[in-house]
Amino acid sequence: MGEINLFPLFLSLRVAATATLLAIVIGIPIAYLLNKSNGKLADFFDSILTLPIVLPPTVLGYYLLVLLGRQSAVGQFLENRFDITIVFTPTGAVIAALVVSIPFLIKSARSAFASIDSSYIHAARVLGRSESSIFVSIILPLAWRGIAAGVTLAFARALGDFGATLMVAGSIPNETMTMPIAIYDALLAGNRELANVLVLIMTTVSIVVLFLLNRLEKKGTRESR
């Protein structure tokens, strides 16, 4: 079997961590705004944002290729103006992981925001607290458990993505080949021994990461009480 290349593992962890951080920055404000809105437009946007959960990853990858490919308007603009290429790069892998994982964070965070007793918010407004202050000091601490669960789900989904990442980033060795793609390539090559080792490594890492995230979530919950 030879020496095992751990680059796909480190790339998968880096891609998942970056995508999760972006999901936190983008997804939490979206979840909060959707929770405050009850109209049909909000329901429509919620449906669009939930699509990655139900659509096949290859379909998502196709949409991303159409949107960000070198022949698309966005792709040509980025390449001509900033010399940035998205497809078949680690950046493409991050974007693919973000798209497939952010709905889990948004759904979980929105449910957490909806479960907050509104009397706390009304009392803070009566006391003259600003909306930003209320959000940071009251809403986020009260919704912490749901947000943490969403972060855990988003990271796990980003870490294990295969279809969308393969479509957008490809399987370039030592550049865009994440762990799930490396396992797939090992199976295609008939190297079941390598595939078994990679699967074992991926499973172990996933369990450890989820365990640590769950411990951090419980610790934060105890400290917030």
C-alpha atoms as a PDB file:
ATOM      1  CA  MET A   1       0.000   0.000   0.000  1.00  0.00           C
ATOM      2  CA  GLY A   2       2.919   2.357   0.646  1.00  0.00           C
ATOM      3  CA  GLU A   3       2.928   5.587   2.535  1.00  0.00           C
ATOM      4  CA  ILE A   4      -0.474   7.193   3.118  1.00  0.00           C
ATOM      5  CA  ASN A   5      -0.851  10.754   1.867  1.00  0.00           C
ATOM      6  CA  LEU A   6      -2.585  12.755   4.597  1.00  0.00           C
ATOM      7  CA  PHE A   7      -2.990  15.876   2.465  1.00  0.00           C
ATOM      8  CA  PRO A   8      -6.672  15.053   1.712  1.00  0.00           C
ATOM      9  CA  LEU A   9      -7.381  14.834   5.443  1.00  0.00           C
ATOM     10  CA  PHE A  10      -5.773  18.175   6.247  1.00  0.00           C
ATOM     11  CA  LEU A  11      -7.477  19.775   3.240  1.00  0.00           C
ATOM     12  CA  SER A  12     -10.855  18.398   4.320  1.00  0.00           C
ATOM     13  CA  LEU A  13     -10.405  19.796   7.843  1.00  0.00           C
ATOM     14  CA  ARG A  14      -9.289  23.180   6.498  1.00  0.00           C
ATOM     15  CA  VAL A  15     -12.139  23.360   3.996  1.00  0.00           C
ATOM     16  CA  ALA A  16     -14.731  22.325   6.602  1.00  0.00           C
ATOM     17  CA  ALA A  17     -13.407  24.802   9.189  1.00  0.00           C
ATOM     18  CA  THR A  18     -13.363  27.680   6.688  1.00  0.00           C
ATOM     19  CA  ALA A  19     -16.826  26.848   5.378  1.00  0.00           C
ATOM     20  CA  THR A  20     -18.190  26.618   8.925  1.00  0.00           C
ATOM     21  CA  LEU A  21     -16.742  30.002   9.895  1.00  0.00           C
ATOM     22  CA  LEU A  22     -18.300  31.540   6.793  1.00  0.00           C
ATOM     23  CA  ALA A  23     -21.590  29.808   7.598  1.00  0.00           C
ATOM     24  CA  ILE A  24     -21.550  31.351  11.085  1.00  0.00           C
ATOM     25  CA  VAL A  25     -20.878  34.851   9.759  1.00  0.00           C
ATOM     26  CA  ILE A  26     -23.456  34.601   6.975  1.00  0.00           C
ATOM     27  CA  GLY A  27     -25.997  32.181   8.406  1.00  0.00           C
ATOM     28  CA  ILE A  28     -26.694  33.605  11.860  1.00  0.00           C
ATOM     29  CA  PRO A  29     -27.817  37.059  10.592  1.00  0.00           C
ATOM     30  CA  ILE A  30     -29.931  35.370   7.906  1.00  0.00           C
ATOM     31  CA  ALA A  31     -31.547  33.091  10.484  1.00  0.00           C
ATOM     32  CA  TYR A  32     -32.291  36.064  12.741  1.00  0.00           C
ATOM     33  CA  LEU A  33     -33.847  38.076   9.906  1.00  0.00           C
ATOM     34  CA  LEU A  34     -35.942  35.114   8.765  1.00  0.00           C
ATOM     35  CA  ASN A  35     -37.164  34.585  12.311  1.00  0.00           C
ATOM     36  CA  LYS A  36     -38.293  38.210  12.543  1.00  0.00           C
ATOM     37  CA  SER A  37     -40.107  38.026   9.181  1.00  0.00           C
ATOM     38  CA  ASN A  38     -43.376  36.160   8.755  1.00  0.00           C
ATOM     39  CA  GLY A  39     -44.405  37.094   5.216  1.00  0.00           C
ATOM     40  CA  LYS A  40     -44.533  35.011   2.061  1.00  0.00           C
ATOM     41  CA  LEU A  41     -41.270  36.539   0.849  1.00  0.00           C
ATOM     42  CA  ALA A  42     -39.469  35.271   3.943  1.00  0.00           C
ATOM     43  CA  ASP A  43     -40.958  31.805   3.421  1.00  0.00           C
ATOM     44  CA  PHE A  44     -39.795  31.868  -0.193  1.00  0.00           C
ATOM     45  CA  PHE A  45     -36.226  32.757   0.775  1.00  0.00           C
ATOM     46  CA  ASP A  46     -36.314  30.117   3.488  1.00  0.00           C
ATOM     47  CA  SER A  47     -37.330  27.537   0.885  1.00  0.00           C
ATOM     48  CA  ILE A  48     -34.493  28.601  -1.423  1.00  0.00           C
ATOM     49  CA  LEU A  49     -31.965  28.426   1.414  1.00  0.00           C
ATOM     50  CA  THR A  50     -33.219  24.962   2.379  1.00  0.00           C
ATOM     51  CA  LEU A  51     -32.863  23.557  -1.148  1.00  0.00           C
ATOM     52  CA  PRO A  52     -29.293  22.276  -0.591  1.00  0.00           C
ATOM     53  CA  ILE A  53     -30.652  19.877   2.026  1.00  0.00           C
ATOM     54  CA  VAL A  54     -32.975  18.112  -0.437  1.00  0.00           C
ATOM     55  CA  LEU A  55     -31.224  18.577  -3.793  1.00  0.00           C
ATOM     56  CA  PRO A  56     -28.623  15.985  -4.860  1.00  0.00           C
ATOM     57  CA  PRO A  57     -25.077  17.312  -4.287  1.00  0.00           C
ATOM     58  CA  THR A  58     -24.278  16.865  -7.978  1.00  0.00           C
ATOM     59  CA  VAL A  59     -27.152  19.190  -8.861  1.00  0.00           C
ATOM     60  CA  LEU A  60     -25.783  21.787  -6.441  1.00  0.00           C
ATOM     61  CA  GLY A  61     -22.361  21.338  -7.984  1.00  0.00           C
ATOM     62  CA  TYR A  62     -23.831  21.885 -11.435  1.00  0.00           C
ATOM     63  CA  TYR A  63     -25.537  25.097 -10.334  1.00  0.00           C
ATOM     64  CA  LEU A  64     -22.264  26.332  -8.843  1.00  0.00           C
ATOM     65  CA  LEU A  65     -20.423  25.524 -12.063  1.00  0.00           C
ATOM     66  CA  VAL A  66     -22.997  27.449 -14.074  1.00  0.00           C
ATOM     67  CA  LEU A  67     -22.766  30.382 -11.672  1.00  0.00           C
ATOM     68  CA  LEU A  68     -19.020  30.466 -10.995  1.00  0.00           C
ATOM     69  CA  GLY A  69     -17.452  28.654 -13.952  1.00  0.00           C
ATOM     70  CA  ARG A  70     -14.937  30.377 -16.200  1.00  0.00           C
ATOM     71  CA  GLN A  71     -17.578  30.808 -18.903  1.00  0.00           C
ATOM     72  CA  SER A  72     -20.114  32.418 -16.561  1.00  0.00           C
ATOM     73  CA  ALA A  73     -20.507  36.177 -16.104  1.00  0.00           C
ATOM     74  CA  VAL A  74     -19.368  35.958 -12.483  1.00  0.00           C
ATOM     75  CA  GLY A  75     -16.433  33.720 -13.315  1.00  0.00           C
ATOM     76  CA  GLN A  76     -15.245  35.935 -16.166  1.00  0.00           C
ATOM     77  CA  PHE A  77     -15.588  39.054 -14.016  1.00  0.00           C
ATOM     78  CA  LEU A  78     -13.525  37.568 -11.197  1.00  0.00           C
ATOM     79  CA  GLU A  79     -10.870  36.265 -13.566  1.00  0.00           C
ATOM     80  CA  ASN A  80     -10.591  39.415 -15.687  1.00  0.00           C
ATOM     81  CA  ARG A  81     -10.737  41.956 -12.880  1.00  0.00           C
ATOM     82  CA  PHE A  82      -9.034  40.148  -9.994  1.00  0.00           C
ATOM     83  CA  ASP A  83      -7.333  37.143 -11.648  1.00  0.00           C
ATOM     84  CA  ILE A  84      -9.386  34.830  -9.406  1.00  0.00           C
ATOM     85  CA  THR A  85     -10.487  31.385 -10.545  1.00  0.00           C
ATOM     86  CA  ILE A  86     -13.058  29.495  -8.479  1.00  0.00           C
ATOM     87  CA  VAL A  87     -13.499  26.119 -10.146  1.00  0.00           C
ATOM     88  CA  PHE A  88     -10.898  23.396  -9.626  1.00  0.00           C
ATOM     89  CA  THR A  89      -9.297  25.285  -6.737  1.00  0.00           C
ATOM     90  CA  PRO A  90      -9.454  24.936  -2.925  1.00  0.00           C
ATOM     91  CA  THR A  91     -11.631  28.063  -2.948  1.00  0.00           C
ATOM     92  CA  GLY A  92     -14.174  26.150  -5.013  1.00  0.00           C
ATOM     93  CA  ALA A  93     -14.100  23.362  -2.443  1.00  0.00           C
ATOM     94  CA  VAL A  94     -14.824  25.864   0.346  1.00  0.00           C
ATOM     95  CA  ILE A  95     -17.722  27.404  -1.579  1.00  0.00           C
ATOM     96  CA  ALA A  96     -19.202  23.967  -2.311  1.00  0.00           C
ATOM     97  CA  ALA A  97     -18.881  22.957   1.344  1.00  0.00           C
ATOM     98  CA  LEU A  98     -20.451  26.254   2.427  1.00  0.00           C
ATOM     99  CA  VAL A  99     -23.460  25.853   0.149  1.00  0.00           C
ATOM    100  CA  VAL A 100     -24.235  22.306   1.300  1.00  0.00           C
ATOM    101  CA  SER A 101     -23.684  23.022   5.009  1.00  0.00           C
ATOM    102  CA  ILE A 102     -25.101  26.477   5.704  1.00  0.00           C
ATOM    103  CA  PRO A 103     -28.789  25.406   5.578  1.00  0.00           C
ATOM    104  CA  PHE A 104     -28.256  23.211   8.655  1.00  0.00           C
ATOM    105  CA  LEU A 105     -26.918  26.163  10.625  1.00  0.00           C
ATOM    106  CA  ILE A 106     -29.672  28.495   9.433  1.00  0.00           C
ATOM    107  CA  LYS A 107     -32.431  26.017  10.294  1.00  0.00           C
ATOM    108  CA  SER A 108     -31.043  25.285  13.741  1.00  0.00           C
ATOM    109  CA  ALA A 109     -30.320  28.937  14.560  1.00  0.00           C
ATOM    110  CA  ARG A 110     -33.755  30.060  13.372  1.00  0.00           C
ATOM    111  CA  SER A 111     -35.435  27.503  15.614  1.00  0.00           C
ATOM    112  CA  ALA A 112     -33.266  28.666  18.516  1.00  0.00           C
ATOM    113  CA  PHE A 113     -34.221  32.303  17.939  1.00  0.00           C
ATOM    114  CA  ALA A 114     -37.915  31.385  17.707  1.00  0.00           C
ATOM    115  CA  SER A 115     -37.790  29.609  21.078  1.00  0.00           C
ATOM    116  CA  ILE A 116     -36.603  32.696  22.977  1.00  0.00           C
ATOM    117  CA  ASP A 117     -39.141  34.228  25.358  1.00  0.00           C
ATOM    118  CA  SER A 118     -39.968  37.597  23.810  1.00  0.00           C
ATOM    119  CA  SER A 119     -40.566  39.137  27.243  1.00  0.00           C
ATOM    120  CA  TYR A 120     -36.792  39.352  27.778  1.00  0.00           C
ATOM    121  CA  ILE A 121     -36.412  41.331  24.562  1.00  0.00           C
ATOM    122  CA  HIS A 122     -39.327  43.648  25.348  1.00  0.00           C
ATOM    123  CA  ALA A 123     -37.931  44.315  28.818  1.00  0.00           C
ATOM    124  CA  ALA A 124     -34.533  45.198  27.370  1.00  0.00           C
ATOM    125  CA  ARG A 125     -36.146  47.621  24.918  1.00  0.00           C
ATOM    126  CA  VAL A 126     -38.082  49.287  27.735  1.00  0.00           C
ATOM    127  CA  LEU A 127     -34.773  49.772  29.542  1.00  0.00           C
ATOM    128  CA  GLY A 128     -33.424  51.577  26.504  1.00  0.00           C
ATOM    129  CA  ARG A 129     -31.082  48.901  25.156  1.00  0.00           C
ATOM    130  CA  SER A 130     -30.213  49.169  21.478  1.00  0.00           C
ATOM    131  CA  GLU A 131     -31.131  46.386  19.050  1.00  0.00           C
ATOM    132  CA  SER A 132     -27.493  45.459  18.519  1.00  0.00           C
ATOM    133  CA  SER A 133     -26.920  45.310  22.265  1.00  0.00           C
ATOM    134  CA  ILE A 134     -30.018  43.137  22.726  1.00  0.00           C
ATOM    135  CA  PHE A 135     -28.844  40.785  19.996  1.00  0.00           C
ATOM    136  CA  VAL A 136     -25.338  40.367  21.404  1.00  0.00           C
ATOM    137  CA  SER A 137     -26.087  40.301  25.138  1.00  0.00           C
ATOM    138  CA  ILE A 138     -29.507  38.615  25.259  1.00  0.00           C
ATOM    139  CA  ILE A 139     -30.503  36.847  22.046  1.00  0.00           C
ATOM    140  CA  LEU A 140     -27.223  35.128  21.248  1.00  0.00           C
ATOM    141  CA  PRO A 141     -26.671  33.776  24.799  1.00  0.00           C
ATOM    142  CA  LEU A 142     -30.238  32.460  24.967  1.00  0.00           C
ATOM    143  CA  ALA A 143     -29.974  30.847  21.528  1.00  0.00           C
ATOM    144  CA  TRP A 144     -26.490  29.466  22.131  1.00  0.00           C
ATOM    145  CA  ARG A 145     -27.417  25.790  22.337  1.00  0.00           C
ATOM    146  CA  GLY A 146     -29.346  25.769  19.073  1.00  0.00           C
ATOM    147  CA  ILE A 147     -26.629  27.727  17.288  1.00  0.00           C
ATOM    148  CA  ALA A 148     -23.943  25.376  18.600  1.00  0.00           C
ATOM    149  CA  ALA A 149     -25.920  22.393  17.361  1.00  0.00           C
ATOM    150  CA  GLY A 150     -26.214  24.046  13.974  1.00  0.00           C
ATOM    151  CA  VAL A 151     -22.476  24.731  13.878  1.00  0.00           C
ATOM    152  CA  THR A 152     -21.783  21.066  14.667  1.00  0.00           C
ATOM    153  CA  LEU A 153     -24.112  19.869  11.917  1.00  0.00           C
ATOM    154  CA  ALA A 154     -22.677  22.367   9.422  1.00  0.00           C
ATOM    155  CA  PHE A 155     -19.096  21.302  10.140  1.00  0.00           C
ATOM    156  CA  ALA A 156     -19.965  17.616   9.866  1.00  0.00           C
ATOM    157  CA  ARG A 157     -21.786  18.177   6.560  1.00  0.00           C
ATOM    158  CA  ALA A 158     -18.921  20.256   5.151  1.00  0.00           C
ATOM    159  CA  LEU A 159     -16.352  17.684   6.250  1.00  0.00           C
ATOM    160  CA  GLY A 160     -18.127  14.842   4.500  1.00  0.00           C
ATOM    161  CA  ASP A 161     -19.255  16.525   1.285  1.00  0.00           C
ATOM    162  CA  PHE A 162     -18.431  14.646  -1.872  1.00  0.00           C
ATOM    163  CA  GLY A 163     -20.691  15.393  -4.835  1.00  0.00           C
ATOM    164  CA  ALA A 164     -20.710  19.190  -4.906  1.00  0.00           C
ATOM    165  CA  THR A 165     -17.000  19.392  -4.048  1.00  0.00           C
ATOM    166  CA  LEU A 166     -16.087  16.949  -6.808  1.00  0.00           C
ATOM    167  CA  MET A 167     -18.129  18.923  -9.353  1.00  0.00           C
ATOM    168  CA  VAL A 168     -16.694  22.319  -8.424  1.00  0.00           C
ATOM    169  CA  ALA A 169     -13.173  21.585  -7.168  1.00  0.00           C
ATOM    170  CA  GLY A 170     -12.349  18.350  -8.964  1.00  0.00           C
ATOM    171  CA  SER A 171      -9.934  15.727  -7.676  1.00  0.00           C
ATOM    172  CA  ILE A 172      -6.499  17.217  -8.293  1.00  0.00           C
ATOM    173  CA  PRO A 173      -3.962  15.387  -6.079  1.00  0.00           C
ATOM    174  CA  ASN A 174      -2.313  17.553  -3.424  1.00  0.00           C
ATOM    175  CA  GLU A 175      -4.471  20.512  -4.440  1.00  0.00           C
ATOM    176  CA  THR A 176      -8.227  19.918  -4.374  1.00  0.00           C
ATOM    177  CA  MET A 177      -8.578  16.241  -3.409  1.00  0.00           C
ATOM    178  CA  THR A 178     -10.467  16.085  -0.131  1.00  0.00           C
ATOM    179  CA  MET A 179     -10.780  12.943   1.971  1.00  0.00           C
ATOM    180  CA  PRO A 180     -14.127  11.702   0.563  1.00  0.00           C
ATOM    181  CA  ILE A 181     -12.795  12.135  -2.977  1.00  0.00           C
ATOM    182  CA  ALA A 182      -9.556  10.335  -2.061  1.00  0.00           C
ATOM    183  CA  ILE A 183     -11.618   7.387  -0.792  1.00  0.00           C
ATOM    184  CA  TYR A 184     -13.606   7.351  -4.039  1.00  0.00           C
ATOM    185  CA  ASP A 185     -10.441   7.450  -6.145  1.00  0.00           C
ATOM    186  CA  ALA A 186      -8.916   4.608  -4.127  1.00  0.00           C
ATOM    187  CA  LEU A 187     -11.995   2.469  -4.802  1.00  0.00           C
ATOM    188  CA  LEU A 188     -11.916   3.332  -8.513  1.00  0.00           C
ATOM    189  CA  ALA A 189      -8.275   2.257  -8.626  1.00  0.00           C
ATOM    190  CA  GLY A 190      -9.175  -1.051  -6.960  1.00  0.00           C
ATOM    191  CA  ASN A 191      -7.057  -0.253  -3.912  1.00  0.00           C
ATOM    192  CA  ARG A 192      -9.467  -1.487  -1.250  1.00  0.00           C
ATOM    193  CA  GLU A 193      -6.748  -1.634   1.393  1.00  0.00           C
ATOM    194  CA  LEU A 194      -6.034   2.078   1.007  1.00  0.00           C
ATOM    195  CA  ALA A 195      -9.747   2.848   0.886  1.00  0.00           C
ATOM    196  CA  ASN A 196     -10.304   0.940   4.136  1.00  0.00           C
ATOM    197  CA  VAL A 197      -7.513   2.852   5.869  1.00  0.00           C
ATOM    198  CA  LEU A 198      -8.809   6.219   4.609  1.00  0.00           C
ATOM    199  CA  VAL A 199     -12.350   5.345   5.699  1.00  0.00           C
ATOM    200  CA  LEU A 200     -11.092   4.393   9.153  1.00  0.00           C
ATOM    201  CA  ILE A 201      -9.111   7.642   9.439  1.00  0.00           C
ATOM    202  CA  MET A 202     -12.073   9.717   8.255  1.00  0.00           C
ATOM    203  CA  THR A 203     -14.472   7.982  10.637  1.00  0.00           C
ATOM    204  CA  THR A 204     -12.110   8.404  13.592  1.00  0.00           C
ATOM    205  CA  VAL A 205     -11.477  12.071  12.866  1.00  0.00           C
ATOM    206  CA  SER A 206     -15.199  12.746  12.429  1.00  0.00           C
ATOM    207  CA  ILE A 207     -16.040  11.091  15.754  1.00  0.00           C
ATOM    208  CA  VAL A 208     -13.282  13.011  17.568  1.00  0.00           C
ATOM    209  CA  VAL A 209     -14.307  16.350  16.028  1.00  0.00           C
ATOM    210  CA  LEU A 210     -17.994  15.859  16.820  1.00  0.00           C
ATOM    211  CA  PHE A 211     -17.170  14.726  20.356  1.00  0.00           C
ATOM    212  CA  LEU A 212     -15.038  17.837  20.974  1.00  0.00           C
ATOM    213  CA  LEU A 213     -17.696  20.123  19.502  1.00  0.00           C
ATOM    214  CA  ASN A 214     -20.370  18.526  21.677  1.00  0.00           C
ATOM    215  CA  ARG A 215     -18.189  18.942  24.770  1.00  0.00           C
ATOM    216  CA  LEU A 216     -17.622  22.609  23.925  1.00  0.00           C
ATOM    217  CA  GLU A 217     -21.366  23.054  23.423  1.00  0.00           C
ATOM    218  CA  LYS A 218     -22.155  21.528  26.838  1.00  0.00           C
ATOM    219  CA  LYS A 219     -19.417  23.575  28.499  1.00  0.00           C
ATOM    220  CA  GLY A 220     -20.772  26.772  26.984  1.00  0.00           C
ATOM    221  CA  THR A 221     -24.268  25.839  28.104  1.00  0.00           C
ATOM    222  CA  ARG A 222     -23.137  25.329  31.712  1.00  0.00           C
ATOM    223  CA  GLU A 223     -21.243  28.616  31.725  1.00  0.00           C
ATOM    224  CA  SER A 224     -24.233  30.532  30.359  1.00  0.00           C
ATOM    225  CA  ARG A 225     -26.530  29.375  33.160  1.00  0.00           C
END
